[in-house]
Amino acid sequence: MESIPQHPLYAADQANEAIRALVDASGGQWSAVESATYEVLLIEWAAATRGGGPDVVEAA
């Protein structure tokens, strides 16, 4: 079964919520894995908000 491409706004919101959860769960202490996860989520968020996409200005 093929996956259906996500609407950019939905993808940006999902990435933002994942970033928020990661930051909230970290308690101010970042492991190497959490840092790498944050970087990937931030890249996904940026890609979802790039070029004529929705106006999503937050990346937790």
Protein backbone atom coordinates (compact mmCIF):
# COMPACT_ATOMS: atom_id res chain seq x y z
CA MET A 1 0.00 0.00 0.00
CA GLU A 2 1.35 3.42 -0.92
CA SER A 3 1.50 6.13 1.67
CA ILE A 4 -0.44 9.30 1.03
CA PRO A 5 1.74 12.43 1.06
CA GLN A 6 0.98 14.61 4.05
CA HIS A 7 -0.23 18.15 3.73
CA PRO A 8 2.73 20.44 4.63
CA LEU A 9 0.79 22.05 7.49
CA TYR A 10 0.07 18.65 9.03
CA ALA A 11 3.70 17.55 8.63
CA ALA A 12 4.95 20.79 10.19
CA ASP A 13 2.53 20.43 13.09
CA GLN A 14 3.60 16.82 13.65
CA ALA A 15 7.29 17.74 13.66
CA ASN A 16 6.62 20.66 15.98
CA GLU A 17 4.73 18.48 18.44
CA ALA A 18 7.51 15.87 18.37
CA ILE A 19 10.08 18.60 19.07
CA ARG A 20 7.97 19.94 21.93
CA ALA A 21 7.62 16.45 23.46
CA LEU A 22 11.36 15.83 23.17
CA VAL A 23 12.22 19.16 24.80
CA ASP A 24 9.66 18.64 27.57
CA ALA A 25 10.90 15.11 28.28
CA SER A 26 14.59 16.01 28.30
CA GLY A 27 14.44 18.02 31.51
CA GLY A 28 17.34 20.15 30.29
CA GLN A 29 19.72 17.21 29.92
CA TRP A 30 20.44 16.16 26.31
CA SER A 31 21.94 12.80 25.42
CA ALA A 32 23.70 12.32 22.08
CA VAL A 33 20.64 10.42 20.80
CA GLU A 34 18.26 13.18 21.88
CA SER A 35 20.47 15.81 20.23
CA ALA A 36 20.51 13.85 16.97
CA THR A 37 16.74 13.31 17.16
CA TYR A 38 16.21 17.03 17.71
CA GLU A 39 18.33 17.86 14.67
CA VAL A 40 16.38 15.45 12.45
CA LEU A 41 13.03 16.76 13.68
CA LEU A 42 14.15 20.34 13.10
CA ILE A 43 15.16 19.48 9.54
CA GLU A 44 11.78 17.81 8.96
CA TRP A 45 10.00 20.85 10.36
CA ALA A 46 12.03 23.21 8.17
CA ALA A 47 11.33 21.12 5.07
CA ALA A 48 7.60 21.11 5.81
CA THR A 49 7.52 24.90 6.16
CA ARG A 50 9.72 25.75 3.17
CA GLY A 51 8.65 27.32 -0.10
CA GLY A 52 5.09 28.51 -0.32
CA GLY A 53 3.90 26.19 2.39
CA PRO A 54 1.79 27.11 5.35
CA ASP A 55 2.73 29.89 7.71
CA VAL A 56 4.02 27.83 10.63
CA VAL A 57 6.43 29.95 12.64
CA GLU A 58 7.05 27.77 15.67
CA ALA A 59 9.55 24.99 16.03
CA ALA A 60 9.11 24.35 19.73
